[in-house]
Amino acid sequence: MFTRGCPWYFKGYRSNGDRTIIEVKKLVSNHTCKGVNKCGNFHVSSNWIAMNIKANVQASPNIKPKEIMWLIEQKYQMDVNYDKAWRDREKTRVVF
């Protein structure tokens, strides 16, 4: 997935000896877009989100899920849906 204006680029080849290894030929690792980093697709666990919003919830126990969504998007460039933000806030309140 490419986003217009994002400089991220990867080019690699399978290693001759071990076909399970990819040899990186060129990498521009700077992302200016969200790319495929979306929490909504379950790549990030609820526990990970809860740990990363812990300080925010402790400082403001009544933080709104939309604020959590914004914080995760700003800090990690990941989308979190409203329900997941609400559940993880509640989990953080109970655990911490």
Protein backbone atom coordinates (compact mmCIF):
# COMPACT_ATOMS: atom_id res chain seq x y z
CA MET A 1 0.00 0.00 0.00
CA PHE A 2 1.49 3.31 -1.06
CA THR A 3 0.34 6.78 -0.12
CA ARG A 4 1.13 9.70 -2.37
CA GLY A 5 3.92 11.78 -0.81
CA CYS A 6 5.16 9.11 1.63
CA PRO A 7 8.87 8.38 1.01
CA TRP A 8 8.75 4.81 2.44
CA TYR A 9 10.30 2.28 0.07
CA PHE A 10 11.50 -1.32 0.33
CA LYS A 11 13.20 -3.50 -2.22
CA GLY A 12 14.41 -7.00 -1.43
CA TYR A 13 15.16 -10.40 -2.89
CA ARG A 14 14.96 -13.93 -1.57
CA SER A 15 18.34 -15.24 -0.51
CA ASN A 16 19.87 -17.81 -2.88
CA GLY A 17 20.76 -20.24 -0.11
CA ASP A 18 17.75 -20.01 2.19
CA ARG A 19 14.53 -19.11 0.37
CA THR A 20 12.90 -18.07 3.68
CA ILE A 21 15.32 -15.14 4.10
CA ILE A 22 14.83 -11.84 2.29
CA GLU A 23 17.90 -9.76 1.55
CA VAL A 24 17.19 -6.05 1.75
CA LYS A 25 18.66 -4.16 -1.20
CA LYS A 26 17.16 -0.73 -0.52
CA LEU A 27 15.13 0.66 2.38
CA VAL A 28 13.80 4.13 3.05
CA SER A 29 12.20 3.59 6.44
CA ASN A 30 10.70 7.04 6.99
CA HIS A 31 6.88 6.84 6.96
CA THR A 32 4.77 9.98 6.67
CA CYS A 33 1.54 8.05 6.29
CA LYS A 34 -0.31 5.48 8.34
CA GLY A 35 0.47 2.71 5.87
CA VAL A 36 -0.81 -0.60 7.16
CA ASN A 37 -0.43 0.27 10.86
CA LYS A 38 -4.03 -0.10 11.94
CA CYS A 39 -5.09 -1.45 15.29
CA GLY A 40 -8.51 -2.21 13.90
CA ASN A 41 -7.10 -5.17 12.00
CA PHE A 42 -6.02 -6.89 15.25
CA HIS A 43 -2.28 -6.56 14.68
CA VAL A 44 -1.96 -4.81 18.03
CA SER A 45 -3.29 -6.41 21.16
CA SER A 46 -5.65 -4.82 23.59
CA ASN A 47 -3.01 -5.29 26.30
CA TRP A 48 -0.48 -3.30 24.24
CA ILE A 49 -2.90 -0.42 23.86
CA ALA A 50 -3.82 -0.52 27.57
CA MET A 51 -0.13 -0.37 28.55
CA ASN A 52 0.48 2.56 26.22
CA ILE A 53 -2.45 4.63 27.52
CA LYS A 54 -1.83 3.77 31.18
CA ALA A 55 -0.28 7.15 32.11
CA ASN A 56 -3.04 9.05 30.31
CA VAL A 57 -5.79 7.10 32.08
CA GLN A 58 -4.09 7.47 35.46
CA ALA A 59 -3.75 11.24 34.94
CA SER A 60 -7.30 11.56 33.65
CA PRO A 61 -9.51 8.56 34.57
CA ASN A 62 -12.45 10.06 32.66
CA ILE A 63 -10.50 10.46 29.41
CA LYS A 64 -12.83 10.09 26.46
CA PRO A 65 -12.37 7.25 23.97
CA LYS A 66 -12.04 9.83 21.16
CA GLU A 67 -9.06 11.34 23.03
CA ILE A 68 -7.49 7.88 23.27
CA MET A 69 -8.05 7.37 19.55
CA TRP A 70 -6.32 10.70 18.88
CA LEU A 71 -3.39 9.93 21.22
CA ILE A 72 -2.70 6.54 19.62
CA GLU A 73 -2.97 8.04 16.14
CA GLN A 74 -0.59 10.91 16.98
CA LYS A 75 2.00 8.83 18.83
CA TYR A 76 1.97 5.57 16.84
CA GLN A 77 0.21 6.46 13.55
CA MET A 78 -2.35 3.73 14.19
CA ASP A 79 -6.11 3.80 13.94
CA VAL A 80 -8.11 2.52 16.89
CA ASN A 81 -11.87 2.31 16.62
CA TYR A 82 -14.12 3.85 19.27
CA ASP A 83 -15.19 0.51 20.81
CA LYS A 84 -11.59 -0.69 21.20
CA ALA A 85 -10.55 2.66 22.76
CA TRP A 86 -13.45 2.42 25.23
CA ARG A 87 -12.72 -1.23 26.14
CA ASP A 88 -9.00 -0.55 26.61
CA ARG A 89 -9.70 2.49 28.79
CA GLU A 90 -11.94 0.32 30.99
CA LYS A 91 -9.30 -2.42 31.09
CA THR A 92 -6.68 0.14 32.12
CA ARG A 93 -8.92 1.50 34.90
CA VAL A 94 -9.38 -2.00 36.36
CA VAL A 95 -5.78 -3.22 35.98
CA PHE A 96 -3.99 -0.07 37.06
